[in-house]
Amino acid sequence: LLRASRILGRAIELFEGDIKSARDWFTRPVLALGNKTPLEVSSTEVGALEVENLIGRLEHGVFS
């Protein structure tokens, strides 16, 4: 739960405080995560780091 909260917080930052958009992104399949949701991937610490790395790439405009 703590891990998911941390990642959701990063997603909220990514969406500039728009909680609804962040929550929607967090619960929809993402191609860069193998069509899994960030929530699913974040169920392990390794997965959470993968989602955080993706958020970092999105923040800097690097999508691949």
C-alpha atoms as a PDB file:
ATOM      1  CA  LEU A   1       0.000   0.000   0.000  1.00  0.00           C
ATOM      2  CA  LEU A   2       2.821   2.377   0.871  1.00  0.00           C
ATOM      3  CA  ARG A   3       4.537   1.603  -2.436  1.00  0.00           C
ATOM      4  CA  ALA A   4       1.344   2.303  -4.417  1.00  0.00           C
ATOM      5  CA  SER A   5       0.836   5.566  -2.529  1.00  0.00           C
ATOM      6  CA  ARG A   6       4.376   6.665  -3.360  1.00  0.00           C
ATOM      7  CA  ILE A   7       3.883   5.928  -7.065  1.00  0.00           C
ATOM      8  CA  LEU A   8       0.457   7.571  -7.149  1.00  0.00           C
ATOM      9  CA  GLY A   9       2.024  10.662  -5.572  1.00  0.00           C
ATOM     10  CA  ARG A  10       4.604  10.755  -8.369  1.00  0.00           C
ATOM     11  CA  ALA A  11       1.800  10.373 -10.931  1.00  0.00           C
ATOM     12  CA  ILE A  12      -0.070  13.291  -9.362  1.00  0.00           C
ATOM     13  CA  GLU A  13       3.097  15.375  -9.708  1.00  0.00           C
ATOM     14  CA  LEU A  14       3.387  14.257 -13.355  1.00  0.00           C
ATOM     15  CA  PHE A  15      -0.170  15.435 -13.986  1.00  0.00           C
ATOM     16  CA  GLU A  16       0.505  18.717 -12.157  1.00  0.00           C
ATOM     17  CA  GLY A  17      -1.857  18.034  -9.284  1.00  0.00           C
ATOM     18  CA  ASP A  18      -4.732  16.685 -11.377  1.00  0.00           C
ATOM     19  CA  ILE A  19      -5.703  13.767  -9.148  1.00  0.00           C
ATOM     20  CA  LYS A  20      -8.369  12.399 -11.496  1.00  0.00           C
ATOM     21  CA  SER A  21      -5.990  12.249 -14.466  1.00  0.00           C
ATOM     22  CA  ALA A  22      -3.267  10.681 -12.325  1.00  0.00           C
ATOM     23  CA  ARG A  23      -5.676   8.074 -10.955  1.00  0.00           C
ATOM     24  CA  ASP A  24      -6.953   7.304 -14.460  1.00  0.00           C
ATOM     25  CA  TRP A  25      -3.389   6.858 -15.759  1.00  0.00           C
ATOM     26  CA  PHE A  26      -2.482   4.726 -12.732  1.00  0.00           C
ATOM     27  CA  THR A  27      -5.349   2.294 -13.422  1.00  0.00           C
ATOM     28  CA  ARG A  28      -5.184   2.042 -17.239  1.00  0.00           C
ATOM     29  CA  PRO A  29      -2.915  -0.285 -19.218  1.00  0.00           C
ATOM     30  CA  VAL A  30       0.241   1.460 -20.406  1.00  0.00           C
ATOM     31  CA  LEU A  31       2.040   0.246 -23.523  1.00  0.00           C
ATOM     32  CA  ALA A  32       5.456   1.044 -22.019  1.00  0.00           C
ATOM     33  CA  LEU A  33       4.609  -1.290 -19.124  1.00  0.00           C
ATOM     34  CA  GLY A  34       3.675  -4.227 -21.344  1.00  0.00           C
ATOM     35  CA  ASN A  35       0.007  -3.194 -21.415  1.00  0.00           C
ATOM     36  CA  LYS A  36      -0.242  -3.567 -17.652  1.00  0.00           C
ATOM     37  CA  THR A  37      -1.477  -0.833 -15.369  1.00  0.00           C
ATOM     38  CA  PRO A  38       1.020   1.099 -13.270  1.00  0.00           C
ATOM     39  CA  LEU A  39      -0.920  -0.200 -10.266  1.00  0.00           C
ATOM     40  CA  GLU A  40      -0.322  -3.826 -11.334  1.00  0.00           C
ATOM     41  CA  VAL A  41       3.346  -3.279 -12.069  1.00  0.00           C
ATOM     42  CA  SER A  42       3.849  -1.460  -8.759  1.00  0.00           C
ATOM     43  CA  SER A  43       2.869  -4.563  -6.789  1.00  0.00           C
ATOM     44  CA  THR A  44       6.600  -5.355  -6.410  1.00  0.00           C
ATOM     45  CA  GLU A  45       9.462  -3.048  -5.506  1.00  0.00           C
ATOM     46  CA  VAL A  46      11.175  -3.786  -8.834  1.00  0.00           C
ATOM     47  CA  GLY A  47       7.949  -2.958 -10.667  1.00  0.00           C
ATOM     48  CA  ALA A  48       7.499   0.223  -8.656  1.00  0.00           C
ATOM     49  CA  LEU A  49      10.968   1.332  -9.712  1.00  0.00           C
ATOM     50  CA  GLU A  50      10.031   0.597 -13.329  1.00  0.00           C
ATOM     51  CA  VAL A  51       6.930   2.805 -13.009  1.00  0.00           C
ATOM     52  CA  GLU A  52       8.963   5.553 -11.334  1.00  0.00           C
ATOM     53  CA  ASN A  53      11.499   5.382 -14.165  1.00  0.00           C
ATOM     54  CA  LEU A  54       8.662   5.668 -16.692  1.00  0.00           C
ATOM     55  CA  ILE A  55       7.281   8.709 -14.870  1.00  0.00           C
ATOM     56  CA  GLY A  56      10.751  10.261 -14.968  1.00  0.00           C
ATOM     57  CA  ARG A  57      11.003   9.643 -18.708  1.00  0.00           C
ATOM     58  CA  LEU A  58       7.551  11.150 -19.251  1.00  0.00           C
ATOM     59  CA  GLU A  59       8.508  14.210 -17.197  1.00  0.00           C
ATOM     60  CA  HIS A  60      11.542  14.727 -19.433  1.00  0.00           C
ATOM     61  CA  GLY A  61       9.803  13.929 -22.712  1.00  0.00           C
ATOM     62  CA  VAL A  62      11.613  10.618 -23.309  1.00  0.00           C
ATOM     63  CA  PHE A  63       8.989   8.047 -24.296  1.00  0.00           C
ATOM     64  CA  SER A  64      11.063   5.089 -25.520  1.00  0.00           C
END
